[in-house]
Amino acid sequence: MFYLEIPINAVYHYKNFYVGAGPYFGYGLMGTWKWSAPGDSDSGNLFEKDDYGYSRADFGAKIQAGYRLNEKISLGLDYGIGLTKLERDWDNSPKNSVLSLSVSYWF
């Protein structure tokens, strides 16, 4: 699944370290499901109502931490956990989560 995500984080800096947290809003751009068994297979769009009908809208919480190596380069680690049910009709619906490592270059 591919989502466009817009985070809104409050970030605290101490020397070269930083930590932050806040909500994020996401929108599902595309995603597919695939199923296969010996001699049979199928696939479809995760966001189509006729297939799985996953919700395109996502909302969640994000935390982040990082270290600024110098004036131009920083390293970061983020974790986001979705709070929105992907499948509206399931009681135990899956939710999005992401762990990301970043290298940033400041202009």
Protein backbone atom coordinates (compact mmCIF):
# COMPACT_ATOMS: atom_id res chain seq x y z
CA MET A 1 0.00 0.00 0.00
CA PHE A 2 1.22 3.48 -0.83
CA TYR A 3 0.03 6.43 1.26
CA LEU A 4 0.65 10.15 1.09
CA GLU A 5 1.29 11.14 4.69
CA ILE A 6 1.26 14.60 6.28
CA PRO A 7 2.74 14.63 9.80
CA ILE A 8 2.38 17.51 12.28
CA ASN A 9 5.14 17.06 14.86
CA ALA A 10 6.28 19.09 17.84
CA VAL A 11 10.07 18.70 18.00
CA TYR A 12 12.44 19.40 20.90
CA HIS A 13 16.13 20.01 20.14
CA TYR A 14 18.93 19.55 22.67
CA LYS A 15 22.43 20.14 21.33
CA ASN A 16 22.65 17.81 18.30
CA PHE A 17 19.79 15.50 19.38
CA TYR A 18 16.08 15.90 18.69
CA VAL A 19 12.87 14.08 19.66
CA GLY A 20 9.35 14.74 18.49
CA ALA A 21 5.80 13.47 18.43
CA GLY A 22 2.46 14.32 16.91
CA PRO A 23 -0.42 13.18 14.72
CA TYR A 24 -0.32 12.33 11.05
CA PHE A 25 -2.96 12.27 8.35
CA GLY A 26 -2.66 9.90 5.42
CA TYR A 27 -4.42 9.18 2.14
CA GLY A 28 -4.13 5.84 0.30
CA LEU A 29 -2.87 6.38 -3.23
CA MET A 30 -2.74 2.76 -4.40
CA GLY A 31 -2.52 -0.81 -3.19
CA THR A 32 -3.17 -4.35 -4.39
CA TRP A 33 -3.96 -7.67 -2.83
CA LYS A 34 -2.75 -10.99 -4.21
CA TRP A 35 -3.80 -14.54 -3.51
CA SER A 36 -2.38 -17.73 -4.93
CA ALA A 37 -2.68 -21.46 -4.50
CA PRO A 38 -1.42 -24.30 -6.67
CA GLY A 39 -3.14 -23.83 -10.02
CA ASP A 40 -5.09 -20.73 -9.00
CA SER A 41 -4.42 -17.06 -8.27
CA ASP A 42 -6.22 -13.74 -8.09
CA SER A 43 -5.48 -10.08 -7.37
CA GLY A 44 -7.27 -6.76 -7.07
CA ASN A 45 -7.29 -3.18 -5.77
CA LEU A 46 -7.35 -2.85 -1.98
CA PHE A 47 -9.31 0.39 -2.10
CA GLU A 48 -12.12 -0.74 -4.45
CA LYS A 49 -15.46 -1.39 -2.77
CA ASP A 50 -15.97 -4.53 -4.89
CA ASP A 51 -12.70 -6.02 -3.61
CA TYR A 52 -11.60 -5.41 -0.01
CA GLY A 53 -12.81 -1.83 0.29
CA TYR A 54 -10.01 -0.64 2.57
CA SER A 55 -10.37 2.95 3.74
CA ARG A 56 -8.14 5.44 1.92
CA ALA A 57 -8.16 7.84 4.89
CA ASP A 58 -5.73 7.14 7.72
CA PHE A 59 -5.00 8.94 10.97
CA GLY A 60 -2.37 8.03 13.53
CA ALA A 61 0.39 9.03 15.92
CA LYS A 62 4.08 9.39 15.20
CA ILE A 63 7.22 9.62 17.32
CA GLN A 64 10.68 10.49 16.08
CA ALA A 65 14.26 10.83 17.31
CA GLY A 66 17.45 11.81 15.59
CA TYR A 67 20.93 13.23 15.66
CA ARG A 68 22.36 16.10 13.64
CA LEU A 69 25.87 15.09 12.56
CA ASN A 70 26.82 18.60 11.41
CA GLU A 71 25.15 21.69 9.93
CA LYS A 72 24.14 19.82 6.78
CA ILE A 73 23.43 16.14 7.64
CA SER A 74 21.15 14.48 10.20
CA LEU A 75 20.03 10.90 10.89
CA GLY A 76 16.55 10.07 12.13
CA LEU A 77 14.31 7.21 13.21
CA ASP A 78 10.50 7.51 13.08
CA TYR A 79 7.68 5.20 14.15
CA GLY A 80 4.05 5.75 13.23
CA ILE A 81 1.05 3.73 14.34
CA GLY A 82 -2.31 3.99 12.63
CA LEU A 83 -5.41 4.56 14.73
CA THR A 84 -7.90 4.13 11.88
CA LYS A 85 -9.36 0.73 10.99
CA LEU A 86 -8.42 -0.14 7.41
CA GLU A 87 -11.39 -2.45 6.93
CA ARG A 88 -14.52 -0.79 8.28
CA ASP A 89 -16.54 -3.99 8.68
CA TRP A 90 -13.99 -6.08 10.62
CA ASP A 91 -13.88 -6.00 14.40
CA ASN A 92 -10.15 -6.84 14.42
CA SER A 93 -9.27 -4.76 11.36
CA PRO A 94 -5.60 -4.31 10.51
CA LYS A 95 -4.09 -0.85 11.04
CA ASN A 96 -1.13 0.80 9.39
CA SER A 97 2.25 1.05 11.10
CA VAL A 98 5.59 2.21 9.78
CA LEU A 99 9.19 2.29 10.99
CA SER A 100 11.51 4.50 8.96
CA LEU A 101 15.14 5.50 8.97
CA SER A 102 16.07 8.80 7.35
CA VAL A 103 19.19 10.66 6.25
CA SER A 104 18.56 14.37 5.74
CA TYR A 105 20.61 16.98 3.97
CA TRP A 106 19.90 20.60 4.95
CA PHE A 107 20.33 23.26 2.25
